[in-house]
Amino acid sequence: MRHLFIIFLLLSAGCQPVAPEQAAVIKGQDFTLCGACGGWLVQVDTLFFRADVPAEFAKPATPVWIRFEKDESDGLKVAGHWIKIHAIRRR
């Protein structure tokens, strides 16, 4: 019994929590920063975020399922409500 407990602890120590999958809509390109390099606007519920979207999903009004986290890599991305998309698929 003690061996099973130790194995469980070792396996669970490397696991990270997985963000829940959320319904979202790719609304369109965000041209506010520097023309075409501003990323895409992504709507999750009533909130809007900016994100780099893979090419196959980079079309306005595309409904998707995403897993994401807030991008806090620098101050501009925090202030601009950027997210990092970890997983994306069609709805």
N, C-alpha and C. Protein backbone atom coordinates (compact mmCIF):
# COMPACT_ATOMS: atom_id res chain seq x y z
N MET A 1 0.83 -1.19 0.00
CA MET A 1 0.00 0.00 0.00
C MET A 1 0.88 1.26 0.00
N ARG A 2 1.97 1.21 0.74
CA ARG A 2 2.86 2.35 0.81
C ARG A 2 3.48 2.62 -0.56
N HIS A 3 3.77 1.58 -1.33
CA HIS A 3 4.37 1.74 -2.65
C HIS A 3 3.40 2.43 -3.61
N LEU A 4 2.15 2.07 -3.54
CA LEU A 4 1.15 2.73 -4.39
C LEU A 4 1.03 4.21 -4.06
N PHE A 5 1.07 4.53 -2.79
CA PHE A 5 0.99 5.92 -2.37
C PHE A 5 2.19 6.72 -2.89
N ILE A 6 3.37 6.14 -2.82
CA ILE A 6 4.58 6.82 -3.30
C ILE A 6 4.51 7.00 -4.82
N ILE A 7 4.06 5.99 -5.53
CA ILE A 7 3.92 6.11 -6.99
C ILE A 7 2.90 7.19 -7.34
N PHE A 8 1.80 7.25 -6.63
CA PHE A 8 0.78 8.29 -6.86
C PHE A 8 1.38 9.68 -6.64
N LEU A 9 2.15 9.85 -5.58
CA LEU A 9 2.77 11.15 -5.32
C LEU A 9 3.73 11.55 -6.43
N LEU A 10 4.52 10.61 -6.90
CA LEU A 10 5.46 10.91 -7.97
C LEU A 10 4.76 11.28 -9.27
N LEU A 11 3.69 10.59 -9.59
CA LEU A 11 2.96 10.88 -10.83
C LEU A 11 2.21 12.19 -10.73
N SER A 12 1.62 12.48 -9.60
CA SER A 12 0.84 13.71 -9.47
C SER A 12 1.71 14.95 -9.32
N ALA A 13 2.96 14.79 -8.92
CA ALA A 13 3.84 15.94 -8.75
C ALA A 13 4.15 16.63 -10.08
N GLY A 14 4.20 15.89 -11.17
CA GLY A 14 4.51 16.46 -12.48
C GLY A 14 3.30 16.97 -13.23
N CYS A 15 2.12 16.77 -12.71
CA CYS A 15 0.89 17.19 -13.40
C CYS A 15 0.60 18.65 -13.11
N GLN A 16 0.23 19.36 -14.15
CA GLN A 16 -0.18 20.74 -13.99
C GLN A 16 -1.67 20.82 -14.29
N PRO A 17 -2.37 21.73 -13.65
CA PRO A 17 -3.80 21.83 -13.92
C PRO A 17 -4.06 22.26 -15.36
N VAL A 18 -5.07 21.71 -15.96
CA VAL A 18 -5.42 22.02 -17.35
C VAL A 18 -6.53 23.06 -17.34
N ALA A 19 -6.34 24.10 -18.11
CA ALA A 19 -7.36 25.15 -18.20
C ALA A 19 -8.62 24.58 -18.83
N PRO A 20 -9.78 24.99 -18.36
CA PRO A 20 -11.02 24.48 -18.96
C PRO A 20 -11.18 24.99 -20.40
N GLU A 21 -11.82 24.18 -21.21
CA GLU A 21 -12.10 24.58 -22.59
C GLU A 21 -13.30 25.52 -22.58
N GLN A 22 -13.17 26.64 -23.28
CA GLN A 22 -14.24 27.63 -23.29
C GLN A 22 -14.67 27.96 -24.71
N ALA A 23 -15.95 28.24 -24.85
CA ALA A 23 -16.48 28.66 -26.15
C ALA A 23 -16.01 30.08 -26.43
N ALA A 24 -15.59 30.32 -27.67
CA ALA A 24 -15.10 31.64 -28.05
C ALA A 24 -15.44 31.89 -29.51
N VAL A 25 -15.31 33.15 -29.92
CA VAL A 25 -15.51 33.54 -31.32
C VAL A 25 -14.34 34.41 -31.74
N ILE A 26 -13.70 34.05 -32.85
CA ILE A 26 -12.66 34.89 -33.43
C ILE A 26 -13.39 36.01 -34.15
N LYS A 27 -13.32 37.23 -33.63
CA LYS A 27 -14.13 38.33 -34.16
C LYS A 27 -13.51 38.99 -35.39
N GLY A 28 -12.21 39.14 -35.42
CA GLY A 28 -11.56 39.79 -36.55
C GLY A 28 -10.19 40.28 -36.15
N GLN A 29 -9.47 40.85 -37.10
CA GLN A 29 -8.13 41.36 -36.83
C GLN A 29 -8.20 42.62 -35.99
N ASP A 30 -7.18 42.79 -35.17
CA ASP A 30 -7.05 43.99 -34.34
C ASP A 30 -6.01 44.89 -34.97
N PHE A 31 -6.43 45.99 -35.54
CA PHE A 31 -5.52 46.91 -36.24
C PHE A 31 -5.07 48.08 -35.37
N THR A 32 -5.30 48.02 -34.06
CA THR A 32 -5.00 49.17 -33.21
C THR A 32 -3.53 49.37 -32.91
N LEU A 33 -2.70 48.32 -33.00
CA LEU A 33 -1.29 48.48 -32.62
C LEU A 33 -0.43 48.99 -33.78
N CYS A 34 -0.26 48.20 -34.81
CA CYS A 34 0.65 48.62 -35.89
C CYS A 34 0.14 48.10 -37.23
N GLY A 35 -1.06 48.38 -37.54
CA GLY A 35 -1.61 47.89 -38.80
C GLY A 35 -1.92 46.42 -38.73
N ALA A 36 -1.30 45.61 -39.55
CA ALA A 36 -1.63 44.19 -39.63
C ALA A 36 -0.94 43.33 -38.58
N CYS A 37 -0.14 43.90 -37.68
CA CYS A 37 0.57 43.05 -36.72
C CYS A 37 -0.11 43.03 -35.35
N GLY A 38 -1.32 43.49 -35.24
CA GLY A 38 -1.97 43.62 -33.94
C GLY A 38 -2.63 42.36 -33.42
N GLY A 39 -2.57 41.24 -34.11
CA GLY A 39 -3.20 40.02 -33.64
C GLY A 39 -4.68 39.99 -33.99
N TRP A 40 -5.42 39.14 -33.29
CA TRP A 40 -6.84 38.95 -33.54
C TRP A 40 -7.63 39.21 -32.27
N LEU A 41 -8.86 39.70 -32.42
CA LEU A 41 -9.75 39.87 -31.29
C LEU A 41 -10.51 38.57 -31.08
N VAL A 42 -10.50 38.09 -29.84
CA VAL A 42 -11.16 36.84 -29.49
C VAL A 42 -12.17 37.16 -28.39
N GLN A 43 -13.44 36.80 -28.62
CA GLN A 43 -14.47 37.05 -27.63
C GLN A 43 -14.76 35.76 -26.85
N VAL A 44 -14.61 35.83 -25.52
CA VAL A 44 -14.94 34.73 -24.63
C VAL A 44 -16.02 35.27 -23.69
N ASP A 45 -17.21 34.70 -23.76
CA ASP A 45 -18.37 35.25 -23.05
C ASP A 45 -18.57 36.70 -23.49
N THR A 46 -18.48 37.64 -22.58
CA THR A 46 -18.64 39.05 -22.94
C THR A 46 -17.31 39.79 -22.95
N LEU A 47 -16.21 39.09 -22.74
CA LEU A 47 -14.89 39.71 -22.68
C LEU A 47 -14.16 39.59 -24.01
N PHE A 48 -13.38 40.61 -24.35
CA PHE A 48 -12.58 40.60 -25.56
C PHE A 48 -11.11 40.54 -25.18
N PHE A 49 -10.36 39.69 -25.88
CA PHE A 49 -8.93 39.54 -25.69
C PHE A 49 -8.24 39.66 -27.03
N ARG A 50 -6.93 39.91 -27.00
CA ARG A 50 -6.11 39.87 -28.21
C ARG A 50 -5.28 38.59 -28.16
N ALA A 51 -5.07 37.99 -29.33
CA ALA A 51 -4.30 36.75 -29.37
C ALA A 51 -3.74 36.52 -30.77
N ASP A 52 -2.66 35.76 -30.83
CA ASP A 52 -2.15 35.25 -32.11
C ASP A 52 -2.93 33.97 -32.39
N VAL A 53 -3.62 33.94 -33.51
CA VAL A 53 -4.50 32.83 -33.85
C VAL A 53 -3.88 32.04 -35.00
N PRO A 54 -3.87 30.70 -34.93
CA PRO A 54 -3.35 29.90 -36.05
C PRO A 54 -4.08 30.23 -37.36
N ALA A 55 -3.37 30.11 -38.46
CA ALA A 55 -3.88 30.53 -39.77
C ALA A 55 -5.21 29.88 -40.15
N GLU A 56 -5.40 28.60 -39.83
CA GLU A 56 -6.64 27.94 -40.25
C GLU A 56 -7.88 28.48 -39.52
N PHE A 57 -7.69 29.17 -38.40
CA PHE A 57 -8.80 29.74 -37.65
C PHE A 57 -8.87 31.26 -37.79
N ALA A 58 -7.95 31.84 -38.54
CA ALA A 58 -7.85 33.30 -38.66
C ALA A 58 -8.84 33.83 -39.70
N LYS A 59 -10.11 33.71 -39.36
CA LYS A 59 -11.19 34.24 -40.20
C LYS A 59 -12.21 34.90 -39.27
N PRO A 60 -12.73 36.07 -39.64
CA PRO A 60 -13.72 36.73 -38.79
C PRO A 60 -14.95 35.86 -38.56
N ALA A 61 -15.53 35.98 -37.38
CA ALA A 61 -16.77 35.29 -36.98
C ALA A 61 -16.63 33.76 -36.97
N THR A 62 -15.45 33.26 -36.58
CA THR A 62 -15.21 31.82 -36.51
C THR A 62 -15.48 31.33 -35.09
N PRO A 63 -16.50 30.47 -34.88
CA PRO A 63 -16.75 29.93 -33.55
C PRO A 63 -15.77 28.79 -33.24
N VAL A 64 -15.14 28.84 -32.07
CA VAL A 64 -14.13 27.85 -31.70
C VAL A 64 -14.26 27.49 -30.22
N TRP A 65 -13.58 26.42 -29.85
CA TRP A 65 -13.34 26.05 -28.45
C TRP A 65 -11.87 26.32 -28.21
N ILE A 66 -11.53 27.01 -27.10
CA ILE A 66 -10.13 27.29 -26.81
C ILE A 66 -9.78 26.99 -25.36
N ARG A 67 -8.51 26.71 -25.16
CA ARG A 67 -7.90 26.67 -23.83
C ARG A 67 -6.82 27.75 -23.86
N PHE A 68 -6.83 28.63 -22.88
CA PHE A 68 -5.90 29.75 -22.91
C PHE A 68 -5.48 30.16 -21.51
N GLU A 69 -4.45 31.01 -21.47
CA GLU A 69 -4.05 31.67 -20.24
C GLU A 69 -3.69 33.11 -20.59
N LYS A 70 -3.76 33.98 -19.62
CA LYS A 70 -3.40 35.38 -19.86
C LYS A 70 -1.91 35.47 -20.13
N ASP A 71 -1.55 36.29 -21.10
CA ASP A 71 -0.14 36.49 -21.47
C ASP A 71 0.40 37.64 -20.64
N GLU A 72 1.29 37.32 -19.71
CA GLU A 72 1.87 38.34 -18.86
C GLU A 72 3.37 38.46 -19.11
N SER A 73 3.78 38.26 -20.37
CA SER A 73 5.20 38.27 -20.71
C SER A 73 5.80 39.67 -20.66
N ASP A 74 5.02 40.69 -20.88
CA ASP A 74 5.50 42.06 -20.70
C ASP A 74 4.32 42.98 -20.38
N GLY A 75 4.62 44.19 -20.00
CA GLY A 75 3.59 45.13 -19.56
C GLY A 75 2.58 45.48 -20.64
N LEU A 76 3.03 45.58 -21.89
CA LEU A 76 2.10 45.92 -22.97
C LEU A 76 1.08 44.81 -23.20
N LYS A 77 1.50 43.57 -23.07
CA LYS A 77 0.57 42.45 -23.27
C LYS A 77 -0.42 42.35 -22.11
N VAL A 78 0.01 42.68 -20.90
CA VAL A 78 -0.91 42.67 -19.77
C VAL A 78 -1.95 43.77 -19.95
N ALA A 79 -1.49 44.98 -20.28
CA ALA A 79 -2.40 46.11 -20.46
C ALA A 79 -3.31 45.93 -21.66
N GLY A 80 -2.85 45.21 -22.68
CA GLY A 80 -3.63 45.01 -23.89
C GLY A 80 -4.54 43.80 -23.86
N HIS A 81 -4.63 43.11 -22.72
CA HIS A 81 -5.49 41.94 -22.56
C HIS A 81 -5.16 40.84 -23.56
N TRP A 82 -3.87 40.49 -23.69
CA TRP A 82 -3.43 39.42 -24.57
C TRP A 82 -3.58 38.08 -23.88
N ILE A 83 -3.86 37.04 -24.65
CA ILE A 83 -3.90 35.68 -24.13
C ILE A 83 -3.02 34.79 -25.00
N LYS A 84 -2.55 33.68 -24.41
CA LYS A 84 -1.84 32.64 -25.15
C LYS A 84 -2.82 31.49 -25.33
N ILE A 85 -3.08 31.13 -26.56
CA ILE A 85 -3.98 30.02 -26.85
C ILE A 85 -3.17 28.73 -26.84
N HIS A 86 -3.53 27.81 -25.95
CA HIS A 86 -2.83 26.52 -25.84
C HIS A 86 -3.45 25.47 -26.74
N ALA A 87 -4.78 25.51 -26.89
CA ALA A 87 -5.49 24.53 -27.72
C ALA A 87 -6.68 25.23 -28.36
N ILE A 88 -6.95 24.88 -29.60
CA ILE A 88 -8.06 25.49 -30.32
C ILE A 88 -8.65 24.44 -31.26
N ARG A 89 -9.98 24.42 -31.36
CA ARG A 89 -10.66 23.54 -32.31
C ARG A 89 -12.00 24.17 -32.70
N ARG A 90 -12.53 23.69 -33.82
CA ARG A 90 -13.80 24.25 -34.32
C ARG A 90 -14.97 23.84 -33.43
N ARG A 91 -15.97 24.69 -33.41
CA ARG A 91 -17.20 24.35 -32.71
C ARG A 91 -18.22 23.86 -33.69
